[in-house]
C-alpha atoms as a PDB file:
ATOM      1  CA  MET A   1     -18.816  53.292   7.191  1.00  0.00           C
ATOM      2  CA  ASN A   2     -20.498  50.175   5.971  1.00  0.00           C
ATOM      3  CA  PHE A   3     -18.459  47.466   7.084  1.00  0.00           C
ATOM      4  CA  LYS A   4     -20.343  44.870   5.010  1.00  0.00           C
ATOM      5  CA  ASP A   5     -19.341  43.054   2.227  1.00  0.00           C
ATOM      6  CA  THR A   6     -19.512  44.498  -1.125  1.00  0.00           C
ATOM      7  CA  ASN A   7     -16.872  42.439  -3.435  1.00  0.00           C
ATOM      8  CA  ASN A   8     -14.518  39.085  -3.150  1.00  0.00           C
ATOM      9  CA  LYS A   9     -11.036  41.159  -2.674  1.00  0.00           C
ATOM     10  CA  PHE A  10      -9.173  40.462   0.670  1.00  0.00           C
ATOM     11  CA  ARG A  11      -9.576  43.168   3.345  1.00  0.00           C
ATOM     12  CA  VAL A  12      -6.902  44.061   5.500  1.00  0.00           C
ATOM     13  CA  VAL A  13      -7.639  46.352   8.449  1.00  0.00           C
ATOM     14  CA  LEU A  14      -4.351  48.545   9.429  1.00  0.00           C
ATOM     15  CA  SER A  15      -4.461  49.993  12.714  1.00  0.00           C
ATOM     16  CA  VAL A  16      -1.813  52.114  13.112  1.00  0.00           C
ATOM     17  CA  GLY A  17      -0.416  51.851  16.364  1.00  0.00           C
ATOM     18  CA  ASP A  18       0.759  54.475  18.799  1.00  0.00           C
ATOM     19  CA  GLU A  19       0.713  57.600  16.334  1.00  0.00           C
ATOM     20  CA  SER A  20       4.013  59.430  18.174  1.00  0.00           C
ATOM     21  CA  GLY A  21       6.131  56.745  16.541  1.00  0.00           C
ATOM     22  CA  ILE A  22       6.580  55.328  12.989  1.00  0.00           C
ATOM     23  CA  GLY A  23       3.164  53.549  12.610  1.00  0.00           C
ATOM     24  CA  PRO A  24       1.592  56.173  10.051  1.00  0.00           C
ATOM     25  CA  GLU A  25       4.673  56.337   8.263  1.00  0.00           C
ATOM     26  CA  ILE A  26       5.465  52.569   7.737  1.00  0.00           C
ATOM     27  CA  ILE A  27       1.743  52.127   6.583  1.00  0.00           C
ATOM     28  CA  LEU A  28       1.984  54.764   3.951  1.00  0.00           C
ATOM     29  CA  LYS A  29       5.109  53.477   2.559  1.00  0.00           C
ATOM     30  CA  ALA A  30       4.063  49.869   2.661  1.00  0.00           C
ATOM     31  CA  LEU A  31       0.591  50.746   0.868  1.00  0.00           C
ATOM     32  CA  TYR A  32       2.764  52.880  -2.002  1.00  0.00           C
ATOM     33  CA  SER A  33       5.167  49.689  -2.333  1.00  0.00           C
ATOM     34  CA  ASP A  34       4.875  47.203  -5.404  1.00  0.00           C
ATOM     35  CA  GLU A  35       5.264  44.559  -3.215  1.00  0.00           C
ATOM     36  CA  THR A  36       2.278  44.899  -1.406  1.00  0.00           C
ATOM     37  CA  PRO A  37      -0.782  43.073  -2.965  1.00  0.00           C
ATOM     38  CA  LYS A  38      -3.098  45.292  -4.969  1.00  0.00           C
ATOM     39  CA  ASN A  39      -6.429  43.053  -5.258  1.00  0.00           C
ATOM     40  CA  THR A  40      -6.986  44.319  -1.639  1.00  0.00           C
ATOM     41  CA  ASP A  41      -9.344  46.464   0.102  1.00  0.00           C
ATOM     42  CA  PHE A  42      -7.264  48.459   2.872  1.00  0.00           C
ATOM     43  CA  THR A  43      -9.318  50.085   5.726  1.00  0.00           C
ATOM     44  CA  ILE A  44      -7.031  51.765   8.342  1.00  0.00           C
ATOM     45  CA  VAL A  45      -8.182  52.468  11.801  1.00  0.00           C
ATOM     46  CA  GLY A  46      -6.539  55.750  12.877  1.00  0.00           C
ATOM     47  CA  SER A  47      -6.412  59.325  12.951  1.00  0.00           C
ATOM     48  CA  LYS A  48      -7.215  60.923   9.393  1.00  0.00           C
ATOM     49  CA  LYS A  49      -5.368  64.484  10.964  1.00  0.00           C
ATOM     50  CA  SER A  50      -2.422  62.398  12.129  1.00  0.00           C
ATOM     51  CA  LEU A  51      -2.065  60.331   8.673  1.00  0.00           C
ATOM     52  CA  HIS A  52      -2.160  63.630   6.723  1.00  0.00           C
ATOM     53  CA  LYS A  53       0.340  65.243   8.814  1.00  0.00           C
ATOM     54  CA  THR A  54       2.813  62.572   8.376  1.00  0.00           C
ATOM     55  CA  TYR A  55       1.350  62.602   4.489  1.00  0.00           C
ATOM     56  CA  VAL A  56       1.823  66.115   4.218  1.00  0.00           C
ATOM     57  CA  ASN A  57       5.472  65.724   6.209  1.00  0.00           C
ATOM     58  CA  LEU A  58       6.788  62.817   4.348  1.00  0.00           C
ATOM     59  CA  LYS A  59       6.450  64.932   1.145  1.00  0.00           C
ATOM     60  CA  SER A  60       8.247  67.840   2.233  1.00  0.00           C
ATOM     61  CA  LEU A  61      11.375  65.772   3.164  1.00  0.00           C
ATOM     62  CA  GLY A  62      11.481  65.066  -0.427  1.00  0.00           C
ATOM     63  CA  LEU A  63      10.173  61.446  -0.484  1.00  0.00           C
ATOM     64  CA  LYS A  64       7.995  60.476  -3.422  1.00  0.00           C
ATOM     65  CA  ASN A  65       7.207  56.592  -2.827  1.00  0.00           C
ATOM     66  CA  ILE A  66       4.185  57.273   0.000  1.00  0.00           C
ATOM     67  CA  ALA A  67       0.588  56.550  -0.584  1.00  0.00           C
ATOM     68  CA  ASN A  68      -1.744  59.294  -0.536  1.00  0.00           C
ATOM     69  CA  PRO A  69      -4.187  58.527   2.807  1.00  0.00           C
ATOM     70  CA  ASP A  70      -7.311  59.865   0.943  1.00  0.00           C
ATOM     71  CA  ASN A  71      -7.008  57.126  -1.543  1.00  0.00           C
ATOM     72  CA  PHE A  72      -7.971  54.781   1.290  1.00  0.00           C
ATOM     73  CA  GLN A  73     -10.722  54.119   3.664  1.00  0.00           C
ATOM     74  CA  ILE A  74      -9.955  55.235   6.848  1.00  0.00           C
ATOM     75  CA  TYR A  75     -12.017  54.769   9.941  1.00  0.00           C
ATOM     76  CA  ASP A  76     -11.390  57.262  12.402  1.00  0.00           C
ATOM     77  CA  PRO A  77     -12.663  56.642  16.229  1.00  0.00           C
ATOM     78  CA  GLU A  78     -12.032  60.616  16.865  1.00  0.00           C
ATOM     79  CA  ILE A  79      -9.908  59.638  20.529  1.00  0.00           C
ATOM     80  CA  PHE A  80      -6.991  61.238  19.729  1.00  0.00           C
ATOM     81  CA  SER A  81      -6.783  65.009  20.953  1.00  0.00           C
ATOM     82  CA  SER A  82      -3.716  66.752  18.780  1.00  0.00           C
ATOM     83  CA  ASP A  83      -4.454  69.102  21.672  1.00  0.00           C
ATOM     84  CA  ASN A  84      -3.222  66.845  23.913  1.00  0.00           C
ATOM     85  CA  LYS A  85       0.199  64.846  22.802  1.00  0.00           C
ATOM     86  CA  SER A  86       0.898  63.244  26.411  1.00  0.00           C
ATOM     87  CA  LYS A  87       1.878  58.849  25.968  1.00  0.00           C
ATOM     88  CA  SER A  88      -0.945  58.717  27.998  1.00  0.00           C
ATOM     89  CA  SER A  89      -3.040  60.025  25.251  1.00  0.00           C
ATOM     90  CA  TYR A  90      -1.125  58.110  22.400  1.00  0.00           C
ATOM     91  CA  GLY A  91      -1.712  55.193  24.535  1.00  0.00           C
ATOM     92  CA  ASP A  92      -5.213  55.527  24.893  1.00  0.00           C
ATOM     93  CA  ALA A  93      -6.041  56.414  21.366  1.00  0.00           C
ATOM     94  CA  SER A  94      -3.620  53.178  20.285  1.00  0.00           C
ATOM     95  CA  PHE A  95      -4.946  50.812  22.233  1.00  0.00           C
ATOM     96  CA  ASN A  96      -8.714  52.093  21.569  1.00  0.00           C
ATOM     97  CA  TYR A  97      -7.506  51.751  17.973  1.00  0.00           C
ATOM     98  CA  LEU A  98      -6.653  47.790  18.089  1.00  0.00           C
ATOM     99  CA  ILE A  99     -10.424  47.361  19.624  1.00  0.00           C
ATOM    100  CA  LYS A 100     -12.211  49.203  16.649  1.00  0.00           C
ATOM    101  CA  ALA A 101     -10.083  47.349  14.357  1.00  0.00           C
ATOM    102  CA  ILE A 102     -10.792  44.056  15.913  1.00  0.00           C
ATOM    103  CA  GLU A 103     -13.998  44.913  15.707  1.00  0.00           C
ATOM    104  CA  ILE A 104     -14.196  45.868  11.719  1.00  0.00           C
ATOM    105  CA  VAL A 105     -12.714  42.790  11.123  1.00  0.00           C
ATOM    106  CA  LYS A 106     -14.833  40.560  12.634  1.00  0.00           C
ATOM    107  CA  ARG A 107     -17.371  41.449  10.342  1.00  0.00           C
ATOM    108  CA  TYR A 108     -16.117  40.508   7.398  1.00  0.00           C
ATOM    109  CA  SER A 109     -15.855  37.133   6.190  1.00  0.00           C
ATOM    110  CA  ASN A 110     -12.379  37.781   4.599  1.00  0.00           C
ATOM    111  CA  ALA A 111     -10.303  39.763   6.350  1.00  0.00           C
ATOM    112  CA  ALA A 112      -7.198  39.874   8.287  1.00  0.00           C
ATOM    113  CA  LEU A 113      -5.720  42.006  10.426  1.00  0.00           C
ATOM    114  CA  VAL A 114      -2.437  44.099  10.346  1.00  0.00           C
ATOM    115  CA  THR A 115      -1.268  45.969  13.679  1.00  0.00           C
ATOM    116  CA  ALA A 116       1.537  48.261  13.549  1.00  0.00           C
ATOM    117  CA  PRO A 117       3.630  49.069  16.672  1.00  0.00           C
ATOM    118  CA  ILE A 118       2.349  50.222  20.277  1.00  0.00           C
ATOM    119  CA  CYS A 119       4.037  51.294  23.645  1.00  0.00           C
ATOM    120  CA  LYS A 120       3.482  49.048  26.180  1.00  0.00           C
ATOM    121  CA  LYS A 121       4.368  52.019  28.594  1.00  0.00           C
ATOM    122  CA  SER A 122       2.038  54.219  27.091  1.00  0.00           C
ATOM    123  CA  TRP A 123      -1.257  52.032  27.312  1.00  0.00           C
ATOM    124  CA  SER A 124       0.005  51.412  31.083  1.00  0.00           C
ATOM    125  CA  LEU A 125      -0.119  55.391  31.782  1.00  0.00           C
ATOM    126  CA  ALA A 126      -3.544  55.026  29.674  1.00  0.00           C
ATOM    127  CA  GLY A 127      -5.202  52.522  32.462  1.00  0.00           C
ATOM    128  CA  HIS A 128      -4.827  49.576  29.924  1.00  0.00           C
ATOM    129  CA  HIS A 129      -2.949  47.176  31.826  1.00  0.00           C
ATOM    130  CA  PHE A 130      -2.016  44.578  29.147  1.00  0.00           C
ATOM    131  CA  SER A 131       1.281  42.915  28.347  1.00  0.00           C
ATOM    132  CA  GLY A 132       0.893  43.387  24.260  1.00  0.00           C
ATOM    133  CA  GLN A 133      -0.954  43.302  21.607  1.00  0.00           C
ATOM    134  CA  THR A 134      -1.430  39.377  21.391  1.00  0.00           C
ATOM    135  CA  GLU A 135      -2.879  39.242  24.755  1.00  0.00           C
ATOM    136  CA  VAL A 136      -5.754  41.820  23.640  1.00  0.00           C
ATOM    137  CA  LEU A 137      -6.420  39.609  21.006  1.00  0.00           C
ATOM    138  CA  ALA A 138      -6.644  36.767  22.844  1.00  0.00           C
ATOM    139  CA  GLN A 139      -9.343  38.038  25.563  1.00  0.00           C
ATOM    140  CA  SER A 140     -11.207  40.107  22.881  1.00  0.00           C
ATOM    141  CA  CYS A 141     -12.051  36.839  21.038  1.00  0.00           C
ATOM    142  CA  GLY A 142     -12.261  34.735  24.403  1.00  0.00           C
ATOM    143  CA  LEU A 143      -9.673  32.254  23.822  1.00  0.00           C
ATOM    144  CA  LYS A 144      -6.527  31.243  26.588  1.00  0.00           C
ATOM    145  CA  ASN A 145      -4.881  29.195  23.772  1.00  0.00           C
ATOM    146  CA  VAL A 146      -3.568  31.430  21.196  1.00  0.00           C
ATOM    147  CA  GLY A 147       0.279  31.470  19.613  1.00  0.00           C
ATOM    148  CA  MET A 148       3.008  34.147  19.357  1.00  0.00           C
ATOM    149  CA  LEU A 149       4.293  33.057  16.191  1.00  0.00           C
ATOM    150  CA  PHE A 150       7.219  34.940  14.469  1.00  0.00           C
ATOM    151  CA  THR A 151       7.537  33.842  10.795  1.00  0.00           C
ATOM    152  CA  ALA A 152       9.696  35.260   7.587  1.00  0.00           C
ATOM    153  CA  LYS A 153      10.102  34.274   4.329  1.00  0.00           C
ATOM    154  CA  SER A 154      13.123  33.918   2.919  1.00  0.00           C
ATOM    155  CA  PRO A 155      14.062  36.511   0.126  1.00  0.00           C
ATOM    156  CA  PHE A 156      16.557  34.173  -1.335  1.00  0.00           C
ATOM    157  CA  THR A 157      15.281  30.304  -1.288  1.00  0.00           C
ATOM    158  CA  GLY A 158      11.687  31.136  -0.885  1.00  0.00           C
ATOM    159  CA  TRP A 159      11.657  28.979   2.401  1.00  0.00           C
ATOM    160  CA  ARG A 160       9.430  30.118   5.423  1.00  0.00           C
ATOM    161  CA  PHE A 161      11.077  30.235   9.107  1.00  0.00           C
ATOM    162  CA  ASN A 162       8.787  29.435  11.672  1.00  0.00           C
ATOM    163  CA  THR A 163       9.259  30.298  15.542  1.00  0.00           C
ATOM    164  CA  LEU A 164       6.405  29.811  18.335  1.00  0.00           C
ATOM    165  CA  LEU A 165       6.700  31.282  21.611  1.00  0.00           C
ATOM    166  CA  ALA A 166       5.992  28.821  24.975  1.00  0.00           C
ATOM    167  CA  THR A 167       5.740  32.156  26.737  1.00  0.00           C
ATOM    168  CA  THR A 168       5.596  35.701  25.809  1.00  0.00           C
ATOM    169  CA  HIS A 169       5.946  39.113  27.417  1.00  0.00           C
ATOM    170  CA  VAL A 170       6.884  37.827  30.991  1.00  0.00           C
ATOM    171  CA  ALA A 171       9.911  38.345  33.178  1.00  0.00           C
ATOM    172  CA  ILE A 172      12.450  35.935  32.587  1.00  0.00           C
ATOM    173  CA  CYS A 173      12.151  34.774  36.435  1.00  0.00           C
ATOM    174  CA  GLU A 174       8.509  33.514  35.800  1.00  0.00           C
ATOM    175  CA  VAL A 175       9.614  31.463  32.469  1.00  0.00           C
ATOM    176  CA  PRO A 176      10.232  28.329  34.633  1.00  0.00           C
ATOM    177  CA  LYS A 177       7.062  28.770  36.949  1.00  0.00           C
ATOM    178  CA  LEU A 178       4.756  29.109  33.700  1.00  0.00           C
ATOM    179  CA  LEU A 179       6.206  26.398  31.758  1.00  0.00           C
ATOM    180  CA  THR A 180       4.193  23.206  32.286  1.00  0.00           C
ATOM    181  CA  VAL A 181       3.398  19.912  30.360  1.00  0.00           C
ATOM    182  CA  GLU A 182      -0.253  21.239  29.512  1.00  0.00           C
ATOM    183  CA  LEU A 183       1.655  24.461  27.844  1.00  0.00           C
ATOM    184  CA  ILE A 184       4.112  22.969  25.877  1.00  0.00           C
ATOM    185  CA  HIS A 185       1.297  20.318  24.662  1.00  0.00           C
ATOM    186  CA  SER A 186      -1.052  22.858  23.381  1.00  0.00           C
ATOM    187  CA  LYS A 187       1.397  25.086  21.573  1.00  0.00           C
ATOM    188  CA  LEU A 188       2.592  22.089  19.823  1.00  0.00           C
ATOM    189  CA  ASP A 189      -1.043  21.580  18.802  1.00  0.00           C
ATOM    190  CA  LEU A 190      -1.399  24.924  17.514  1.00  0.00           C
ATOM    191  CA  PHE A 191       2.239  24.660  15.860  1.00  0.00           C
ATOM    192  CA  LYS A 192       1.043  21.745  13.752  1.00  0.00           C
ATOM    193  CA  ASP A 193      -2.260  23.077  13.267  1.00  0.00           C
ATOM    194  CA  PHE A 194      -0.414  26.021  11.433  1.00  0.00           C
ATOM    195  CA  CYS A 195       2.514  24.204  10.036  1.00  0.00           C
ATOM    196  CA  LYS A 196       0.115  21.151   8.523  1.00  0.00           C
ATOM    197  CA  THR A 197      -1.273  23.758   5.781  1.00  0.00           C
ATOM    198  CA  LYS A 198       1.705  23.315   3.796  1.00  0.00           C
ATOM    199  CA  ASN A 199       3.408  20.007   5.114  1.00  0.00           C
ATOM    200  CA  GLU A 200       1.157  17.621   6.416  1.00  0.00           C
ATOM    201  CA  LYS A 201       4.253  15.482   8.255  1.00  0.00           C
ATOM    202  CA  PRO A 202       6.176  18.525   9.799  1.00  0.00           C
ATOM    203  CA  THR A 203       9.296  18.600  11.681  1.00  0.00           C
ATOM    204  CA  PHE A 204       9.477  20.728  14.770  1.00  0.00           C
ATOM    205  CA  LYS A 205      13.019  21.755  16.804  1.00  0.00           C
ATOM    206  CA  ILE A 206      12.366  21.943  20.419  1.00  0.00           C
ATOM    207  CA  ALA A 207      14.679  24.593  22.194  1.00  0.00           C
ATOM    208  CA  GLY A 208      15.724  23.720  25.751  1.00  0.00           C
ATOM    209  CA  LEU A 209      15.023  25.728  28.470  1.00  0.00           C
ATOM    210  CA  ASN A 210      18.433  25.457  30.220  1.00  0.00           C
ATOM    211  CA  PRO A 211      21.960  25.786  28.599  1.00  0.00           C
ATOM    212  CA  HIS A 212      23.009  22.769  26.874  1.00  0.00           C
ATOM    213  CA  ALA A 213      19.254  21.768  27.554  1.00  0.00           C
ATOM    214  CA  GLY A 214      19.949  21.303  31.192  1.00  0.00           C
ATOM    215  CA  GLU A 215      22.938  19.042  30.222  1.00  0.00           C
ATOM    216  CA  GLU A 216      21.526  15.936  31.898  1.00  0.00           C
ATOM    217  CA  GLY A 217      20.671  17.443  34.801  1.00  0.00           C
ATOM    218  CA  ILE A 218      24.082  19.314  35.672  1.00  0.00           C
ATOM    219  CA  LEU A 219      22.464  22.613  34.025  1.00  0.00           C
ATOM    220  CA  GLY A 220      18.995  22.907  34.853  1.00  0.00           C
ATOM    221  CA  THR A 221      16.486  19.600  35.848  1.00  0.00           C
ATOM    222  CA  GLU A 222      13.453  20.943  33.462  1.00  0.00           C
ATOM    223  CA  GLU A 223      14.310  19.220  30.614  1.00  0.00           C
ATOM    224  CA  LYS A 224      14.857  16.014  32.590  1.00  0.00           C
ATOM    225  CA  ASP A 225      12.123  16.130  34.894  1.00  0.00           C
ATOM    226  CA  TRP A 226       9.685  16.672  32.942  1.00  0.00           C
ATOM    227  CA  LEU A 227       9.917  18.591  29.473  1.00  0.00           C
ATOM    228  CA  ASN A 228      11.722  15.560  27.978  1.00  0.00           C
ATOM    229  CA  ASP A 229       8.536  13.179  28.840  1.00  0.00           C
ATOM    230  CA  ALA A 230       6.362  15.720  27.581  1.00  0.00           C
ATOM    231  CA  LEU A 231       7.757  15.539  24.031  1.00  0.00           C
ATOM    232  CA  ILE A 232       7.144  11.928  24.048  1.00  0.00           C
ATOM    233  CA  THR A 233       3.736  11.700  25.299  1.00  0.00           C
ATOM    234  CA  TRP A 234       2.696  14.549  22.590  1.00  0.00           C
ATOM    235  CA  SER A 235       4.462  12.352  19.910  1.00  0.00           C
ATOM    236  CA  LYS A 236       3.085   9.511  20.781  1.00  0.00           C
ATOM    237  CA  LYS A 237      -0.158  11.067  19.398  1.00  0.00           C
ATOM    238  CA  ASN A 238       0.979  13.114  16.817  1.00  0.00           C
ATOM    239  CA  ARG A 239       2.767  10.537  14.704  1.00  0.00           C
ATOM    240  CA  ASN A 240       2.496  12.437  11.671  1.00  0.00           C
ATOM    241  CA  VAL A 241       4.931  15.199  13.497  1.00  0.00           C
ATOM    242  CA  LYS A 242       8.890  14.729  13.815  1.00  0.00           C
ATOM    243  CA  LEU A 243       9.882  16.325  17.183  1.00  0.00           C
ATOM    244  CA  LEU A 244      13.935  16.736  17.536  1.00  0.00           C
ATOM    245  CA  GLY A 245      14.948  17.923  21.469  1.00  0.00           C
ATOM    246  CA  PRO A 246      14.924  19.121  23.346  1.00  0.00           C
ATOM    247  CA  LEU A 247      17.675  20.736  21.703  1.00  0.00           C
ATOM    248  CA  SER A 248      20.715  22.747  23.022  1.00  0.00           C
ATOM    249  CA  PRO A 249      19.380  26.565  22.356  1.00  0.00           C
ATOM    250  CA  ASP A 250      22.988  27.928  21.399  1.00  0.00           C
ATOM    251  CA  SER A 251      22.978  25.671  18.357  1.00  0.00           C
ATOM    252  CA  CYS A 252      19.094  25.272  17.866  1.00  0.00           C
ATOM    253  CA  TRP A 253      18.418  27.798  15.285  1.00  0.00           C
ATOM    254  CA  ASN A 254      22.203  27.019  13.248  1.00  0.00           C
ATOM    255  CA  SER A 255      20.215  24.890  10.827  1.00  0.00           C
ATOM    256  CA  SER A 256      17.749  27.890  10.607  1.00  0.00           C
ATOM    257  CA  ALA A 257      20.438  30.683   9.184  1.00  0.00           C
ATOM    258  CA  LYS A 258      21.461  28.066   6.678  1.00  0.00           C
ATOM    259  CA  ALA A 259      18.255  27.677   5.066  1.00  0.00           C
ATOM    260  CA  TRP A 260      17.752  31.165   5.049  1.00  0.00           C
ATOM    261  CA  ARG A 261      20.126  31.084   2.361  1.00  0.00           C
ATOM    262  CA  ASP A 262      21.034  27.884   0.715  1.00  0.00           C
ATOM    263  CA  LYS A 263      18.622  26.625  -1.118  1.00  0.00           C
ATOM    264  CA  ASN A 264      19.980  23.051  -0.933  1.00  0.00           C
ATOM    265  CA  ALA A 265      20.141  23.182   3.090  1.00  0.00           C
ATOM    266  CA  GLU A 266      17.937  20.771   5.029  1.00  0.00           C
ATOM    267  CA  LYS A 267      14.908  22.625   6.400  1.00  0.00           C
ATOM    268  CA  HIS A 268      12.649  22.301   9.346  1.00  0.00           C
ATOM    269  CA  ASP A 269       9.116  23.902   9.679  1.00  0.00           C
ATOM    270  CA  GLY A 270       9.429  25.453  12.867  1.00  0.00           C
ATOM    271  CA  ILE A 271      11.159  25.845  16.216  1.00  0.00           C
ATOM    272  CA  LEU A 272       9.581  26.095  19.527  1.00  0.00           C
ATOM    273  CA  ALA A 273      11.099  28.444  21.845  1.00  0.00           C
ATOM    274  CA  MET A 274      10.725  28.325  25.390  1.00  0.00           C
ATOM    275  CA  TYR A 275      10.496  32.413  26.043  1.00  0.00           C
ATOM    276  CA  HIS A 276      10.696  35.548  24.520  1.00  0.00           C
ATOM    277  CA  ASP A 277      13.910  36.459  23.487  1.00  0.00           C
ATOM    278  CA  GLN A 278      15.528  32.817  23.145  1.00  0.00           C
ATOM    279  CA  GLY A 279      13.517  32.746  19.856  1.00  0.00           C
ATOM    280  CA  LEU A 280      13.745  36.618  18.899  1.00  0.00           C
ATOM    281  CA  ILE A 281      17.406  37.078  18.861  1.00  0.00           C
ATOM    282  CA  PRO A 282      17.753  34.621  16.590  1.00  0.00           C
ATOM    283  CA  MET A 283      14.552  35.201  14.592  1.00  0.00           C
ATOM    284  CA  LYS A 284      15.669  38.992  14.079  1.00  0.00           C
ATOM    285  CA  VAL A 285      19.375  38.086  13.609  1.00  0.00           C
ATOM    286  CA  ILE A 286      19.023  35.670  10.782  1.00  0.00           C
ATOM    287  CA  ALA A 287      15.758  37.466   8.799  1.00  0.00           C
ATOM    288  CA  PHE A 288      16.231  41.100   9.733  1.00  0.00           C
ATOM    289  CA  ASN A 289      13.760  43.191   7.948  1.00  0.00           C
ATOM    290  CA  TYR A 290      11.681  40.054   6.758  1.00  0.00           C
ATOM    291  CA  ALA A 291      10.374  39.239   9.772  1.00  0.00           C
ATOM    292  CA  VAL A 292       6.657  39.286  10.947  1.00  0.00           C
ATOM    293  CA  ASN A 293       4.556  38.557  13.858  1.00  0.00           C
ATOM    294  CA  THR A 294       1.406  36.488  13.866  1.00  0.00           C
ATOM    295  CA  THR A 295      -1.118  35.362  16.291  1.00  0.00           C
ATOM    296  CA  ILE A 296      -2.185  31.562  15.483  1.00  0.00           C
ATOM    297  CA  GLY A 297      -5.631  30.561  17.178  1.00  0.00           C
ATOM    298  CA  LEU A 298      -7.359  33.384  16.110  1.00  0.00           C
ATOM    299  CA  PRO A 299     -10.902  33.172  14.083  1.00  0.00           C
ATOM    300  CA  PHE A 300      -8.942  35.494  11.978  1.00  0.00           C
ATOM    301  CA  ILE A 301      -5.231  36.074  10.582  1.00  0.00           C
ATOM    302  CA  ARG A 302      -3.543  38.941  12.339  1.00  0.00           C
ATOM    303  CA  THR A 303       0.079  40.163  11.605  1.00  0.00           C
ATOM    304  CA  SER A 304       2.707  42.758  12.973  1.00  0.00           C
ATOM    305  CA  PRO A 305       5.792  44.199  11.750  1.00  0.00           C
ATOM    306  CA  ASP A 306       8.638  42.390  13.755  1.00  0.00           C
ATOM    307  CA  HIS A 307       9.984  45.417  15.550  1.00  0.00           C
ATOM    308  CA  GLY A 308       8.911  48.833  17.920  1.00  0.00           C
ATOM    309  CA  THR A 309       7.273  51.788  17.727  1.00  0.00           C
ATOM    310  CA  GLY A 310      11.046  53.984  16.836  1.00  0.00           C
ATOM    311  CA  PHE A 311      10.250  57.080  18.600  1.00  0.00           C
ATOM    312  CA  ASP A 312      13.905  57.862  18.316  1.00  0.00           C
ATOM    313  CA  ILE A 313      13.447  58.235  13.990  1.00  0.00           C
ATOM    314  CA  ALA A 314       9.650  59.190  14.154  1.00  0.00           C
ATOM    315  CA  GLY A 315       9.085  62.159  11.645  1.00  0.00           C
ATOM    316  CA  LYS A 316      12.265  61.777  10.205  1.00  0.00           C
ATOM    317  CA  GLY A 317      11.410  59.841   7.171  1.00  0.00           C
ATOM    318  CA  ILE A 318      13.656  57.249   7.745  1.00  0.00           C
ATOM    319  CA  ALA A 319      11.839  54.211   9.038  1.00  0.00           C
ATOM    320  CA  GLN A 320      12.107  50.913   6.877  1.00  0.00           C
ATOM    321  CA  SER A 321       8.793  49.539   5.579  1.00  0.00           C
ATOM    322  CA  GLN A 322      10.091  46.544   4.326  1.00  0.00           C
ATOM    323  CA  SER A 323       8.722  44.357   7.793  1.00  0.00           C
ATOM    324  CA  MET A 324       5.011  46.263   6.996  1.00  0.00           C
ATOM    325  CA  ILE A 325       5.272  45.213   3.667  1.00  0.00           C
ATOM    326  CA  GLU A 326       5.654  41.601   4.988  1.00  0.00           C
ATOM    327  CA  ALA A 327       3.032  41.679   7.373  1.00  0.00           C
ATOM    328  CA  ILE A 328       0.818  42.375   5.181  1.00  0.00           C
ATOM    329  CA  LYS A 329       2.068  40.524   2.262  1.00  0.00           C
ATOM    330  CA  THR A 330       1.627  37.462   4.830  1.00  0.00           C
ATOM    331  CA  ALA A 331      -1.549  38.296   5.991  1.00  0.00           C
ATOM    332  CA  VAL A 332      -3.176  38.377   2.641  1.00  0.00           C
ATOM    333  CA  GLU A 333      -1.064  34.249   1.992  1.00  0.00           C
ATOM    334  CA  MET A 334      -2.846  33.298   4.890  1.00  0.00           C
ATOM    335  CA  THR A 335      -6.223  34.315   4.581  1.00  0.00           C
ATOM    336  CA  LYS A 336      -6.106  32.807   1.065  1.00  0.00           C
ATOM    337  CA  ASP A 337      -5.019  29.619   2.788  1.00  0.00           C
ATOM    338  CA  SER A 338      -8.712  28.206   3.870  1.00  0.00           C
ATOM    339  CA  ARG A 339      -7.353  25.312   5.223  1.00  0.00           C
ATOM    340  CA  LEU A 340      -5.759  27.623   7.925  1.00  0.00           C
ATOM    341  CA  LEU A 341      -8.531  29.747   8.705  1.00  0.00           C
ATOM    342  CA  ASN A 342     -10.282  26.486   8.870  1.00  0.00           C
ATOM    343  CA  ALA A 343      -7.775  25.249  11.634  1.00  0.00           C
ATOM    344  CA  HIS A 344      -8.827  27.813  13.839  1.00  0.00           C
END
């Protein structure tokens, strides 16, 4: 397949993820949707046999709004063997699809990467010991400071809801050990670059690590010992950014819930969460199917649906594709923003 630029269209490279899950289904549903940007070239990285099998199965179930994979460019590394349906086989294929998709997107000057869900356990069984796709992306691009940011555009108000994670796929007991002044500063730097494309003077909320943000050392000392000072130090160097916090995590996202549905509600540009579930629980509750995972700090835009492989519903034709649609729309929107690309 020739990956050279042949026109000025935006390009979206889709990695199908774990093919024993819902990845192929939500991709074919999303590519058919009227919401998906049409002036876009799509390249799917995955098994042609698997995609065709998914298409035929969905049609046999009576689904009509399904894209025919024959109408799209498919790059098949021919890694997956239909005779070997073990978790490790699916894991090895999905890992290599991601590696190939990264390679392809790097060859284009105006491309974005959209990744379908993978299974971390299957990766591990196949010998690929990464805690997620974000970590593979960082290593593939030779970067240490990237950010796992979850974003969603409200269908009610058009407001973009952003939550950045300070730590990502780590056990909860490791979080306090990993949080440092340097880490917080590096994540705020990434957040500033991301948000200033829409607002030169953004407002960020910072969630505390402990209940009630430590209650002045009664419920935990991290905020009192170093986090407060870290935010003050960063603010002095970035006077165009307003920081609020550290705030009590149990109420930090209340204003986000209001802004999601009320055009007149007070808005903020983003929240920095200290760990994975602290940020993801309110994100998924508030934004539901509209949430998108994006990796900021890369030389290209990468997005992904904010849900898992859905093994329990795979092949049944009932997987919702809204998050994949939003992932594609967000990837195109961000790729169009040259200022955002220049910031990275």
